[in-house]
């Protein structure tokens, strides 16, 4: 699952319904176990298969389930 800002979330939501794949890039800055040690890595094309709204401390976050193409 991935979480994004409001603008990116809108684009990802559209991708879910259009069934168009999204390109995933992973950056070293962050605490993800999937992040590269340094720089940016291209991870390929993914389909957005599901999305979930989460709320925390008054903020709304969207989580997306991605499946590799």
N, C-alpha and C. Protein backbone atom coordinates (compact mmCIF):
# COMPACT_ATOMS: atom_id res chain seq x y z
N UNK A 1 0.83 -1.18 0.00
CA UNK A 1 0.00 0.00 0.00
C UNK A 1 0.87 1.24 0.00
N UNK A 2 0.36 2.29 -0.63
CA UNK A 2 1.08 3.56 -0.70
C UNK A 2 0.15 4.69 -0.29
N UNK A 3 0.69 5.73 0.31
CA UNK A 3 -0.12 6.90 0.65
C UNK A 3 0.42 8.11 -0.09
N UNK A 4 -0.47 9.06 -0.42
CA UNK A 4 -0.09 10.22 -1.23
C UNK A 4 -0.81 11.48 -0.78
N UNK A 5 -0.35 12.63 -1.28
CA UNK A 5 -1.00 13.91 -1.04
C UNK A 5 -2.34 13.96 -1.79
N UNK A 6 -3.13 15.01 -1.55
CA UNK A 6 -4.46 15.13 -2.15
C UNK A 6 -4.43 15.13 -3.67
N UNK A 7 -3.55 15.90 -4.29
CA UNK A 7 -3.50 15.97 -5.76
C UNK A 7 -3.09 14.63 -6.37
N UNK A 8 -2.09 14.01 -5.82
CA UNK A 8 -1.66 12.70 -6.32
C UNK A 8 -2.75 11.66 -6.09
N UNK A 9 -3.46 11.78 -4.97
CA UNK A 9 -4.54 10.85 -4.67
C UNK A 9 -5.64 10.93 -5.72
N UNK A 10 -5.95 12.13 -6.17
CA UNK A 10 -6.98 12.32 -7.20
C UNK A 10 -6.58 11.63 -8.49
N UNK A 11 -5.33 11.78 -8.88
CA UNK A 11 -4.82 11.15 -10.10
C UNK A 11 -4.80 9.63 -9.96
N UNK A 12 -4.39 9.13 -8.81
CA UNK A 12 -4.37 7.69 -8.57
C UNK A 12 -5.79 7.12 -8.60
N UNK A 13 -6.75 7.85 -8.03
CA UNK A 13 -8.14 7.42 -8.05
C UNK A 13 -8.67 7.30 -9.46
N UNK A 14 -8.32 8.25 -10.32
CA UNK A 14 -8.73 8.20 -11.72
C UNK A 14 -8.14 6.97 -12.40
N UNK A 15 -6.91 6.66 -12.08
CA UNK A 15 -6.24 5.50 -12.68
C UNK A 15 -6.96 4.21 -12.31
N UNK A 16 -7.49 4.14 -11.10
CA UNK A 16 -8.21 2.94 -10.67
C UNK A 16 -9.39 2.66 -11.60
N UNK A 17 -10.14 3.71 -11.95
CA UNK A 17 -11.34 3.52 -12.76
C UNK A 17 -11.04 3.44 -14.25
N UNK A 18 -9.96 4.07 -14.71
CA UNK A 18 -9.60 3.98 -16.13
C UNK A 18 -8.81 2.72 -16.45
N UNK A 19 -8.31 2.05 -15.39
CA UNK A 19 -7.48 0.83 -15.54
C UNK A 19 -6.17 1.11 -16.29
N UNK A 20 -5.72 2.35 -16.26
CA UNK A 20 -4.43 2.70 -16.87
C UNK A 20 -3.35 2.53 -15.80
N UNK A 21 -2.25 1.90 -16.15
CA UNK A 21 -1.19 1.68 -15.15
C UNK A 21 -0.48 2.99 -14.78
N UNK A 22 0.11 2.99 -13.60
CA UNK A 22 0.92 4.12 -13.13
C UNK A 22 2.37 3.66 -13.00
N UNK A 23 3.29 4.59 -13.20
CA UNK A 23 4.71 4.29 -13.04
C UNK A 23 5.10 4.57 -11.59
N UNK A 24 5.83 3.65 -11.00
CA UNK A 24 6.22 3.80 -9.60
C UNK A 24 7.73 4.05 -9.51
N UNK A 25 8.08 5.13 -8.82
CA UNK A 25 9.46 5.48 -8.52
C UNK A 25 9.61 5.46 -7.01
N UNK A 26 10.71 4.96 -6.52
CA UNK A 26 10.96 4.92 -5.08
C UNK A 26 12.22 5.73 -4.78
N UNK A 27 12.10 6.59 -3.76
CA UNK A 27 13.23 7.45 -3.39
C UNK A 27 13.86 6.95 -2.10
N UNK A 28 15.16 7.22 -1.95
CA UNK A 28 15.91 6.79 -0.77
C UNK A 28 15.46 7.53 0.48
N UNK A 29 14.97 8.75 0.33
CA UNK A 29 14.55 9.50 1.51
C UNK A 29 13.22 8.96 2.02
N UNK A 30 13.26 8.37 3.17
CA UNK A 30 12.06 7.79 3.76
C UNK A 30 12.41 6.56 4.57
N UNK A 31 11.43 6.06 5.30
CA UNK A 31 11.70 4.93 6.18
C UNK A 31 11.15 3.61 5.65
N UNK A 32 10.77 3.57 4.39
CA UNK A 32 10.19 2.36 3.82
C UNK A 32 11.24 1.27 3.66
N UNK A 33 10.84 0.04 3.94
CA UNK A 33 11.73 -1.10 3.74
C UNK A 33 11.96 -1.36 2.26
N UNK A 34 11.12 -0.77 1.40
CA UNK A 34 11.23 -0.97 -0.04
C UNK A 34 12.06 0.10 -0.73
N UNK A 35 12.48 1.14 0.01
CA UNK A 35 13.26 2.24 -0.57
C UNK A 35 14.68 1.79 -0.91
N UNK A 36 15.25 2.34 -1.99
CA UNK A 36 16.64 2.03 -2.30
C UNK A 36 17.57 2.67 -1.28
N UNK A 37 18.81 2.20 -1.23
CA UNK A 37 19.77 2.76 -0.27
C UNK A 37 20.11 4.21 -0.59
N UNK A 38 20.15 4.54 -1.90
CA UNK A 38 20.42 5.92 -2.30
C UNK A 38 19.78 6.19 -3.65
N UNK A 39 19.53 7.47 -3.92
CA UNK A 39 18.96 7.87 -5.20
C UNK A 39 17.50 7.49 -5.38
N UNK A 40 17.12 7.34 -6.65
CA UNK A 40 15.75 7.00 -7.03
C UNK A 40 15.78 5.76 -7.90
N UNK A 41 14.82 4.85 -7.67
CA UNK A 41 14.76 3.61 -8.44
C UNK A 41 13.39 3.52 -9.13
N UNK A 42 13.39 3.13 -10.41
CA UNK A 42 12.15 2.88 -11.15
C UNK A 42 11.72 1.46 -10.85
N UNK A 43 10.50 1.28 -10.35
CA UNK A 43 10.00 -0.05 -9.99
C UNK A 43 9.04 -0.65 -10.99
N UNK A 44 8.66 0.10 -12.02
CA UNK A 44 7.82 -0.46 -13.08
C UNK A 44 6.41 0.07 -13.09
N UNK A 45 5.55 -0.63 -13.85
CA UNK A 45 4.15 -0.24 -13.99
C UNK A 45 3.27 -1.03 -13.04
N UNK A 46 2.30 -0.35 -12.45
CA UNK A 46 1.37 -0.97 -11.50
C UNK A 46 -0.05 -0.54 -11.82
N UNK A 47 -1.01 -1.42 -11.53
CA UNK A 47 -2.42 -1.09 -11.61
C UNK A 47 -2.92 -0.73 -10.22
N UNK A 48 -3.74 0.30 -10.13
CA UNK A 48 -4.39 0.65 -8.87
C UNK A 48 -5.64 -0.22 -8.78
N UNK A 49 -5.68 -1.14 -7.83
CA UNK A 49 -6.81 -2.07 -7.73
C UNK A 49 -7.79 -1.72 -6.61
N UNK A 50 -7.36 -0.90 -5.66
CA UNK A 50 -8.25 -0.54 -4.56
C UNK A 50 -7.73 0.72 -3.89
N UNK A 51 -8.63 1.46 -3.23
CA UNK A 51 -8.21 2.63 -2.47
C UNK A 51 -9.04 2.71 -1.19
N UNK A 52 -8.42 3.26 -0.15
CA UNK A 52 -9.03 3.35 1.17
C UNK A 52 -8.78 4.73 1.76
N UNK A 53 -9.78 5.29 2.40
CA UNK A 53 -9.63 6.57 3.08
C UNK A 53 -9.30 6.31 4.54
N UNK A 54 -8.30 7.01 5.06
CA UNK A 54 -7.91 6.91 6.46
C UNK A 54 -7.89 8.31 7.05
N UNK A 55 -8.25 8.41 8.32
CA UNK A 55 -8.22 9.69 9.03
C UNK A 55 -7.33 9.54 10.26
N UNK A 56 -6.50 10.54 10.48
CA UNK A 56 -5.61 10.53 11.64
C UNK A 56 -5.33 11.98 12.04
N UNK A 57 -5.58 12.30 13.29
CA UNK A 57 -5.32 13.65 13.83
C UNK A 57 -5.98 14.74 12.99
N UNK A 58 -7.20 14.49 12.51
CA UNK A 58 -7.93 15.48 11.72
C UNK A 58 -7.52 15.54 10.26
N UNK A 59 -6.55 14.76 9.86
CA UNK A 59 -6.09 14.73 8.47
C UNK A 59 -6.71 13.54 7.74
N UNK A 60 -6.95 13.70 6.44
CA UNK A 60 -7.47 12.61 5.61
C UNK A 60 -6.34 12.10 4.73
N UNK A 61 -6.14 10.79 4.74
CA UNK A 61 -5.11 10.15 3.92
C UNK A 61 -5.76 9.09 3.05
N UNK A 62 -5.23 8.90 1.87
CA UNK A 62 -5.70 7.83 0.98
C UNK A 62 -4.61 6.79 0.83
N UNK A 63 -4.97 5.54 0.94
CA UNK A 63 -4.04 4.42 0.73
C UNK A 63 -4.46 3.70 -0.54
N UNK A 64 -3.50 3.24 -1.32
CA UNK A 64 -3.77 2.58 -2.59
C UNK A 64 -3.13 1.21 -2.62
N UNK A 65 -3.88 0.24 -3.07
CA UNK A 65 -3.36 -1.10 -3.28
C UNK A 65 -2.94 -1.20 -4.74
N UNK A 66 -1.67 -1.53 -4.96
CA UNK A 66 -1.11 -1.59 -6.31
C UNK A 66 -0.70 -3.02 -6.64
N UNK A 67 -0.94 -3.44 -7.87
CA UNK A 67 -0.49 -4.74 -8.35
C UNK A 67 0.42 -4.51 -9.56
N UNK A 68 1.58 -5.15 -9.53
CA UNK A 68 2.55 -4.99 -10.61
C UNK A 68 2.02 -5.58 -11.91
N UNK A 69 2.22 -4.83 -13.01
CA UNK A 69 1.78 -5.28 -14.34
C UNK A 69 2.81 -6.25 -14.88
